[in-house]
Amino acid sequence: MSTPSHPSVVIVPEVVQAIRDLSAEAEKAGRLHDEQLAIIYAQRWFNLFVPAAYGGLALPLPEALRIEEALAWTDGSTGWTVTLCSGANWFVGFLEPSAAQEVYNNSKVCLAGSGKASGVAKVTAHGYEITGEWNYATGTPHATVFTANCVIEKDGITLQDLAGGPLVQSFWFHREEVTIRENWQPTGMIATASNGFAVNRLTVPANRSFVLQPGRAVLTDPVYHFPFLQFAEATLAVNYSGMAIRFLDLCHDLFAEKINHPNGSTPLPPLTAMLQEATATLQQARTQFYTAITRSWAMMFSQQTVTDILLQEMSHTSRRLATIARQQVDALYPFCGLTAANPSTAINRVWRDLHTASQHTLLVYPQE
């Protein structure tokens, strides 16, 4: 069991600083800064999981997760946007070749979308007619394609899946086919621009539909054969850990100032020991997480499958990492003073970003 390194070793310092220097301006604008996006395009971070044939990096899952964690450590909105958009770009493994060629012929390709089945797709003679509205599509200002889940209807009847529930399939739309709802007004993650979008009676061909199940993958690369649940859990968990590490880093400087220049007669709590304990607890959760990821990836790479036991371990360590990240930040926040409550400070932005991101329902509840 190896101890994962600090995120600062993953991305060169000059790039980290360039992204951070624009964070306040991006938050004010409510979207990533053009220069932040230029860095993302140059590094091909939206294409972490896209094959080289389509201009992607085709990274192994553990390596991609370390990049996502480092980006979340660099800046919450940047990390979250890259994670959600690169996760959606992972859908390339499930698209028909004709559709993949149509979607990934753009060097700035970026998929944004929603997993909620809040649309209806009516079967037609040549495809589907789709109506629906979806919220929280991260990266709407620069998305080239939007994806959405829909309940399938045929002849006025909702079709059923094998379990007897409504049949749900995923679809993709060109940017010009959707109406964007600028309704993203959170306290944090502001620059992710996670707005809603809608379509109304949009007619699409059959190759616009895909199913996110390992057995339905078109490409053979191991990453497309991970169940989507564990893939998504892992990518979100590293965002929480990245932001938590950044918060603890900032606490180090704040606590040092308090210790060196005490204000008032009230005795200080053992700030150094508290920070060391929080850091060790978070590091232990990271170690367990990356160990589970490495084991699962090794099996998937060699056998094109992962046992249920390893998948459960991935889910458990992802949820545990997310929970511990929140807990350690919240344990230290009360001792950070009004600096941490000032919306213009870096530590406040990290706190707001983490607590906004943590409202994603996927990792809210620890897995027993």
Protein backbone atom coordinates (compact mmCIF):
# COMPACT_ATOMS: atom_id res chain seq x y z
CA MET A 1 0.00 0.00 0.00
CA SER A 2 1.85 3.11 -1.24
CA THR A 3 1.16 6.61 0.06
CA PRO A 4 -0.10 8.95 -2.70
CA SER A 5 1.95 12.09 -3.21
CA HIS A 6 0.75 15.65 -2.74
CA PRO A 7 -1.17 16.99 -5.79
CA SER A 8 1.49 19.68 -6.27
CA VAL A 9 3.78 17.15 -7.97
CA VAL A 10 1.24 16.36 -10.72
CA ILE A 11 0.92 19.74 -12.48
CA VAL A 12 3.84 22.10 -13.03
CA PRO A 13 3.81 25.12 -10.70
CA GLU A 14 3.61 27.65 -13.53
CA VAL A 15 0.34 26.14 -14.79
CA VAL A 16 -1.08 25.93 -11.27
CA GLN A 17 -0.32 29.61 -10.67
CA ALA A 18 -1.72 30.67 -14.06
CA ILE A 19 -5.04 28.97 -13.29
CA ARG A 20 -5.20 30.35 -9.74
CA ASP A 21 -4.38 33.89 -10.84
CA LEU A 22 -7.60 33.88 -12.87
CA SER A 23 -9.87 32.15 -10.33
CA ALA A 24 -11.36 35.31 -8.81
CA GLU A 25 -12.00 36.81 -12.23
CA ALA A 26 -13.60 33.57 -13.44
CA GLU A 27 -15.87 33.48 -10.41
CA LYS A 28 -16.92 37.09 -11.00
CA ALA A 29 -17.75 36.26 -14.64
CA GLY A 30 -19.60 33.08 -13.68
CA ARG A 31 -17.60 30.92 -16.06
CA LEU A 32 -14.05 29.71 -16.60
CA HIS A 33 -11.74 32.37 -17.94
CA ASP A 34 -10.73 32.06 -21.61
CA GLU A 35 -7.08 31.69 -20.56
CA GLN A 36 -7.98 28.88 -18.16
CA LEU A 37 -9.80 27.17 -21.02
CA ALA A 38 -6.80 27.70 -23.29
CA ILE A 39 -4.67 25.80 -20.78
CA ILE A 40 -7.23 23.00 -20.61
CA TYR A 41 -7.33 22.70 -24.40
CA ALA A 42 -3.53 22.77 -24.66
CA GLN A 43 -3.21 20.03 -22.04
CA ARG A 44 -6.16 18.08 -23.58
CA TRP A 45 -7.65 17.64 -20.12
CA PHE A 46 -11.21 17.40 -21.43
CA ASN A 47 -9.99 14.34 -23.33
CA LEU A 48 -8.40 12.36 -20.50
CA PHE A 49 -10.34 9.23 -21.48
CA VAL A 50 -10.67 9.81 -25.24
CA PRO A 51 -8.67 7.53 -27.60
CA ALA A 52 -5.65 8.95 -29.39
CA ALA A 53 -7.46 8.37 -32.69
CA TYR A 54 -9.87 11.13 -31.67
CA GLY A 55 -7.18 13.43 -30.30
CA GLY A 56 -7.39 12.24 -26.70
CA LEU A 57 -4.86 11.23 -24.04
CA ALA A 58 -6.30 7.73 -23.43
CA LEU A 59 -4.96 7.73 -19.86
CA PRO A 60 -5.22 4.84 -17.41
CA LEU A 61 -7.85 5.55 -14.77
CA PRO A 62 -5.42 5.97 -11.81
CA GLU A 63 -3.33 8.53 -13.72
CA ALA A 64 -6.40 10.49 -14.83
CA LEU A 65 -7.72 10.57 -11.25
CA ARG A 66 -4.48 12.08 -9.99
CA ILE A 67 -4.75 14.83 -12.61
CA GLU A 68 -8.35 15.54 -11.61
CA GLU A 69 -7.39 15.68 -7.94
CA ALA A 70 -4.52 18.03 -8.71
CA LEU A 71 -6.80 20.31 -10.72
CA ALA A 72 -9.33 20.42 -7.87
CA TRP A 73 -6.44 21.32 -5.55
CA THR A 74 -5.43 24.04 -8.01
CA ASP A 75 -8.93 25.51 -8.33
CA GLY A 76 -12.27 23.95 -7.48
CA SER A 77 -14.23 25.19 -10.48
CA THR A 78 -11.48 24.21 -12.91
CA GLY A 79 -11.12 20.74 -11.42
CA TRP A 80 -14.86 20.11 -11.30
CA THR A 81 -15.37 21.31 -14.88
CA VAL A 82 -12.57 19.15 -16.24
CA THR A 83 -13.84 16.16 -14.25
CA LEU A 84 -17.46 16.45 -15.36
CA CYS A 85 -16.65 17.28 -18.97
CA SER A 86 -13.91 14.66 -19.34
CA GLY A 87 -16.28 12.19 -17.70
CA ALA A 88 -18.88 13.02 -20.33
CA ASN A 89 -16.23 12.78 -23.07
CA TRP A 90 -15.71 9.21 -21.79
CA PHE A 91 -19.00 8.48 -23.54
CA VAL A 92 -17.00 8.19 -26.77
CA GLY A 93 -16.55 4.54 -25.84
CA PHE A 94 -20.30 3.96 -26.21
CA LEU A 95 -21.14 5.94 -29.36
CA GLU A 96 -21.62 4.39 -32.75
CA PRO A 97 -18.54 5.10 -34.92
CA SER A 98 -20.49 7.44 -37.20
CA ALA A 99 -21.63 9.46 -34.19
CA ALA A 100 -18.18 9.49 -32.62
CA GLN A 101 -16.69 10.86 -35.83
CA GLU A 102 -19.31 13.61 -35.86
CA VAL A 103 -18.79 14.57 -32.22
CA TYR A 104 -15.01 14.32 -31.90
CA ASN A 105 -13.94 16.16 -35.06
CA ASN A 106 -13.42 19.30 -32.96
CA SER A 107 -10.15 19.93 -31.10
CA LYS A 108 -12.17 21.76 -28.42
CA VAL A 109 -14.79 19.05 -28.06
CA CYS A 110 -16.47 19.20 -24.67
CA LEU A 111 -19.56 17.30 -23.58
CA ALA A 112 -21.84 18.68 -20.88
CA GLY A 113 -25.02 17.09 -19.62
CA SER A 114 -27.21 15.59 -16.97
CA GLY A 115 -27.81 12.08 -15.70
CA LYS A 116 -31.38 12.74 -14.62
CA ALA A 117 -34.02 11.13 -16.85
CA SER A 118 -36.11 14.28 -17.14
CA GLY A 119 -36.79 13.98 -20.85
CA VAL A 120 -39.04 11.84 -23.03
CA ALA A 121 -37.85 10.28 -26.29
CA LYS A 122 -40.65 9.08 -28.54
CA VAL A 123 -39.70 6.39 -31.04
CA THR A 124 -40.23 7.48 -34.65
CA ALA A 125 -39.73 5.75 -37.98
CA HIS A 126 -36.18 7.08 -38.29
CA GLY A 127 -35.12 7.81 -34.75
CA TYR A 128 -36.63 9.78 -31.86
CA GLU A 129 -38.54 12.94 -31.05
CA ILE A 130 -37.24 14.38 -27.79
CA THR A 131 -38.64 16.89 -25.33
CA GLY A 132 -37.17 17.63 -21.93
CA GLU A 133 -35.37 19.96 -19.60
CA TRP A 134 -32.28 19.13 -17.52
CA ASN A 135 -30.43 21.00 -14.78
CA TYR A 136 -26.80 21.23 -13.69
CA ALA A 137 -24.86 20.72 -16.92
CA THR A 138 -21.33 21.76 -15.98
CA GLY A 139 -19.49 23.80 -18.62
CA THR A 140 -22.42 25.12 -20.66
CA PRO A 141 -20.60 28.20 -22.06
CA HIS A 142 -17.97 26.11 -23.86
CA ALA A 143 -19.78 22.79 -24.39
CA THR A 144 -19.89 21.63 -28.00
CA VAL A 145 -22.30 18.74 -27.30
CA PHE A 146 -24.94 18.13 -24.64
CA THR A 147 -25.96 14.72 -23.29
CA ALA A 148 -29.16 13.77 -21.50
CA ASN A 149 -31.14 10.79 -20.27
CA CYS A 150 -34.68 10.17 -21.49
CA VAL A 151 -37.52 7.78 -20.81
CA ILE A 152 -38.42 5.92 -24.01
CA GLU A 153 -41.99 5.97 -25.35
CA LYS A 154 -43.43 4.12 -28.32
CA ASP A 155 -46.97 4.62 -29.60
CA GLY A 156 -47.82 6.53 -26.43
CA ILE A 157 -46.63 3.74 -24.12
CA THR A 158 -43.59 3.95 -21.83
CA LEU A 159 -41.29 1.04 -22.61
CA GLN A 160 -39.90 -1.05 -19.76
CA ASP A 161 -36.42 -2.31 -19.00
CA LEU A 162 -35.61 -5.87 -17.90
CA ALA A 163 -36.33 -4.97 -14.26
CA GLY A 164 -39.80 -3.70 -15.12
CA GLY A 165 -39.00 -0.02 -14.69
CA PRO A 166 -39.14 2.72 -17.34
CA LEU A 167 -36.62 2.17 -20.13
CA VAL A 168 -34.01 4.95 -20.03
CA GLN A 169 -31.44 5.71 -22.72
CA SER A 170 -28.85 8.44 -23.16
CA PHE A 171 -28.82 10.90 -26.05
CA TRP A 172 -26.55 13.62 -27.37
CA PHE A 173 -27.39 16.94 -29.02
CA HIS A 174 -25.39 19.55 -30.89
CA ARG A 175 -24.99 22.84 -29.06
CA GLU A 176 -27.19 24.71 -31.52
CA GLU A 177 -30.04 22.25 -30.89
CA VAL A 178 -30.47 23.10 -27.20
CA THR A 179 -31.74 26.12 -25.31
CA ILE A 180 -29.51 26.97 -22.35
CA ARG A 181 -31.18 28.07 -19.12
CA GLU A 182 -28.82 30.40 -17.25
CA ASN A 183 -30.05 29.35 -13.82
CA TRP A 184 -26.83 28.45 -11.99
CA GLN A 185 -26.75 30.58 -8.81
CA PRO A 186 -24.86 28.65 -6.09
CA THR A 187 -22.62 29.91 -3.29
CA GLY A 188 -19.61 28.04 -4.67
CA MET A 189 -18.43 26.37 -7.87
CA ILE A 190 -19.66 29.53 -9.56
CA ALA A 191 -17.27 29.40 -12.51
CA THR A 192 -18.43 25.91 -13.49
CA ALA A 193 -21.47 27.57 -15.11
CA SER A 194 -23.55 24.47 -14.43
CA ASN A 195 -26.68 25.79 -16.10
CA GLY A 196 -29.73 23.91 -17.30
CA PHE A 197 -30.71 23.19 -20.90
CA ALA A 198 -33.79 22.09 -22.79
CA VAL A 199 -35.01 20.71 -26.12
CA ASN A 200 -38.55 20.75 -27.47
CA ARG A 201 -39.76 18.16 -29.98
CA LEU A 202 -36.26 17.74 -31.35
CA THR A 203 -36.02 15.03 -34.01
CA VAL A 204 -32.78 13.06 -33.96
CA PRO A 205 -31.53 9.95 -35.81
CA ALA A 206 -31.15 6.61 -34.04
CA ASN A 207 -27.35 6.97 -33.74
CA ARG A 208 -27.86 9.81 -31.24
CA SER A 209 -28.73 7.22 -28.58
CA PHE A 210 -26.31 5.19 -26.44
CA VAL A 211 -26.38 3.02 -23.32
CA LEU A 212 -23.78 3.39 -20.54
CA GLN A 213 -23.29 -0.23 -19.61
CA PRO A 214 -20.00 -2.16 -19.86
CA GLY A 215 -21.56 -4.73 -22.17
CA ARG A 216 -22.70 -1.95 -24.53
CA ALA A 217 -19.26 -0.35 -24.99
CA VAL A 218 -18.23 0.00 -28.63
CA LEU A 219 -14.53 0.51 -27.92
CA THR A 220 -12.43 -2.18 -26.24
CA ASP A 221 -10.20 0.01 -24.06
CA PRO A 222 -10.38 -1.17 -20.41
CA VAL A 223 -11.63 2.18 -19.09
CA TYR A 224 -14.94 1.81 -20.96
CA HIS A 225 -15.67 -1.47 -19.22
CA PHE A 226 -15.76 -0.02 -15.73
CA PRO A 227 -19.35 0.29 -14.51
CA PHE A 228 -20.33 3.94 -14.77
CA LEU A 229 -21.28 4.14 -11.08
CA GLN A 230 -17.79 3.34 -9.78
CA PHE A 231 -16.16 5.44 -12.50
CA ALA A 232 -18.29 8.46 -11.51
CA GLU A 233 -17.83 7.93 -7.77
CA ALA A 234 -14.06 7.86 -8.12
CA THR A 235 -13.83 10.96 -10.29
CA LEU A 236 -15.99 13.00 -7.90
CA ALA A 237 -14.19 11.74 -4.79
CA VAL A 238 -10.82 13.04 -5.96
CA ASN A 239 -12.33 16.49 -6.40
CA TYR A 240 -13.35 16.53 -2.76
CA SER A 241 -9.93 15.34 -1.65
CA GLY A 242 -8.14 17.85 -3.90
CA MET A 243 -10.12 20.76 -2.48
CA ALA A 244 -9.68 19.49 1.07
CA ILE A 245 -5.90 19.28 0.63
CA ARG A 246 -5.89 22.85 -0.65
CA PHE A 247 -7.92 23.97 2.37
CA LEU A 248 -5.46 22.28 4.74
CA ASP A 249 -2.53 23.88 2.89
CA LEU A 250 -4.10 27.31 3.39
CA CYS A 251 -4.80 26.51 7.04
CA HIS A 252 -1.09 25.97 7.53
CA ASP A 253 -0.33 29.61 6.74
CA LEU A 254 -3.30 30.95 8.69
CA PHE A 255 -2.50 28.91 11.78
CA ALA A 256 1.17 29.91 11.63
CA GLU A 257 0.12 33.56 11.66
CA LYS A 258 -2.15 33.01 14.65
CA ILE A 259 0.57 31.19 16.57
CA ASN A 260 3.27 33.74 15.78
CA HIS A 261 1.04 36.77 16.38
CA PRO A 262 -1.59 35.85 18.96
CA ASN A 263 -4.43 38.34 19.30
CA GLY A 264 -6.01 38.76 22.73
CA SER A 265 -5.73 36.85 25.97
CA THR A 266 -7.73 33.78 24.93
CA PRO A 267 -5.45 30.72 24.81
CA LEU A 268 -5.10 29.20 21.35
CA PRO A 269 -6.15 25.58 20.81
CA PRO A 270 -3.41 23.17 19.66
CA LEU A 271 -3.70 24.32 16.04
CA THR A 272 -0.56 22.58 14.77
CA ALA A 273 -1.59 19.23 16.25
CA MET A 274 -5.13 19.62 14.90
CA LEU A 275 -3.83 20.33 11.40
CA GLN A 276 -1.42 17.41 11.55
CA GLU A 277 -4.19 15.07 12.62
CA ALA A 278 -6.52 16.26 9.86
CA THR A 279 -3.76 15.87 7.29
CA ALA A 280 -2.94 12.35 8.45
CA THR A 281 -6.60 11.30 8.47
CA LEU A 282 -7.16 12.60 4.95
CA GLN A 283 -3.94 11.01 3.73
CA GLN A 284 -4.98 7.64 5.12
CA ALA A 285 -8.29 7.85 3.24
CA ARG A 286 -6.43 8.79 0.05
CA THR A 287 -4.09 5.84 0.46
CA GLN A 288 -6.97 3.41 0.84
CA PHE A 289 -8.76 4.97 -2.12
CA TYR A 290 -5.83 4.85 -4.53
CA THR A 291 -4.99 1.32 -3.41
CA ALA A 292 -8.52 0.21 -4.32
CA ILE A 293 -8.35 2.04 -7.64
CA THR A 294 -4.99 0.51 -8.52
CA ARG A 295 -6.18 -3.01 -7.71
CA SER A 296 -9.37 -2.60 -9.74
CA TRP A 297 -7.55 -1.08 -12.70
CA ALA A 298 -4.95 -3.85 -12.73
CA MET A 299 -7.68 -6.48 -12.91
CA MET A 300 -9.65 -4.58 -15.56
CA PHE A 301 -6.53 -4.05 -17.65
CA SER A 302 -5.55 -7.71 -17.56
CA GLN A 303 -8.97 -9.38 -17.63
CA GLN A 304 -11.47 -6.79 -18.99
CA THR A 305 -13.58 -7.27 -15.88
CA VAL A 306 -13.59 -6.37 -12.18
CA THR A 307 -15.03 -8.54 -9.43
CA ASP A 308 -17.97 -7.32 -7.39
CA ILE A 309 -15.76 -7.30 -4.30
CA LEU A 310 -13.31 -4.88 -5.90
CA LEU A 311 -16.13 -2.71 -7.21
CA GLN A 312 -17.60 -2.54 -3.72
CA GLU A 313 -14.17 -1.57 -2.41
CA MET A 314 -13.99 1.23 -4.99
CA SER A 315 -17.40 2.53 -3.95
CA HIS A 316 -16.62 2.28 -0.24
CA THR A 317 -13.27 4.07 -0.44
CA SER A 318 -14.67 6.76 -2.76
CA ARG A 319 -17.50 7.54 -0.36
CA ARG A 320 -15.20 7.37 2.64
CA LEU A 321 -12.73 9.76 1.01
CA ALA A 322 -15.51 12.23 0.21
CA THR A 323 -16.87 12.05 3.75
CA ILE A 324 -13.48 12.48 5.42
CA ALA A 325 -12.59 15.39 3.15
CA ARG A 326 -15.71 17.25 4.27
CA GLN A 327 -15.23 16.32 7.92
CA GLN A 328 -11.63 17.51 8.15
CA VAL A 329 -12.38 20.82 6.48
CA ASP A 330 -15.36 21.44 8.73
CA ALA A 331 -13.34 20.53 11.84
CA LEU A 332 -10.74 23.21 11.07
CA TYR A 333 -12.91 25.93 9.58
CA PRO A 334 -14.03 27.46 12.92
CA PHE A 335 -10.38 28.15 13.83
CA CYS A 336 -9.54 30.00 10.60
CA GLY A 337 -10.99 33.35 11.67
CA LEU A 338 -12.78 35.92 9.57
CA THR A 339 -10.30 35.46 6.75
CA ALA A 340 -12.04 32.18 5.96
CA ALA A 341 -15.42 33.94 6.00
CA ASN A 342 -14.36 36.62 3.51
CA PRO A 343 -15.69 35.71 0.03
CA SER A 344 -12.71 37.40 -1.63
CA THR A 345 -10.12 35.08 -0.07
CA ALA A 346 -8.79 31.86 -1.54
CA ILE A 347 -9.61 29.81 1.55
CA ASN A 348 -13.22 30.99 1.52
CA ARG A 349 -13.54 30.09 -2.16
CA VAL A 350 -12.22 26.60 -1.45
CA TRP A 351 -14.69 26.21 1.42
CA ARG A 352 -17.62 27.36 -0.72
CA ASP A 353 -16.55 25.20 -3.66
CA LEU A 354 -16.21 22.06 -1.53
CA HIS A 355 -19.56 22.54 0.17
CA THR A 356 -21.32 23.24 -3.11
CA ALA A 357 -19.73 20.23 -4.83
CA SER A 358 -20.55 18.00 -1.87
CA GLN A 359 -24.26 18.49 -2.55
CA HIS A 360 -23.92 16.12 -5.51
CA THR A 361 -26.10 13.21 -4.41
CA LEU A 362 -23.73 10.48 -5.60
CA LEU A 363 -21.41 10.63 -2.60
CA VAL A 364 -23.57 12.23 0.08
CA TYR A 365 -24.15 9.06 2.09
CA PRO A 366 -21.28 6.82 3.25
CA GLN A 367 -21.55 3.24 2.05
CA GLU A 368 -21.75 0.70 4.87
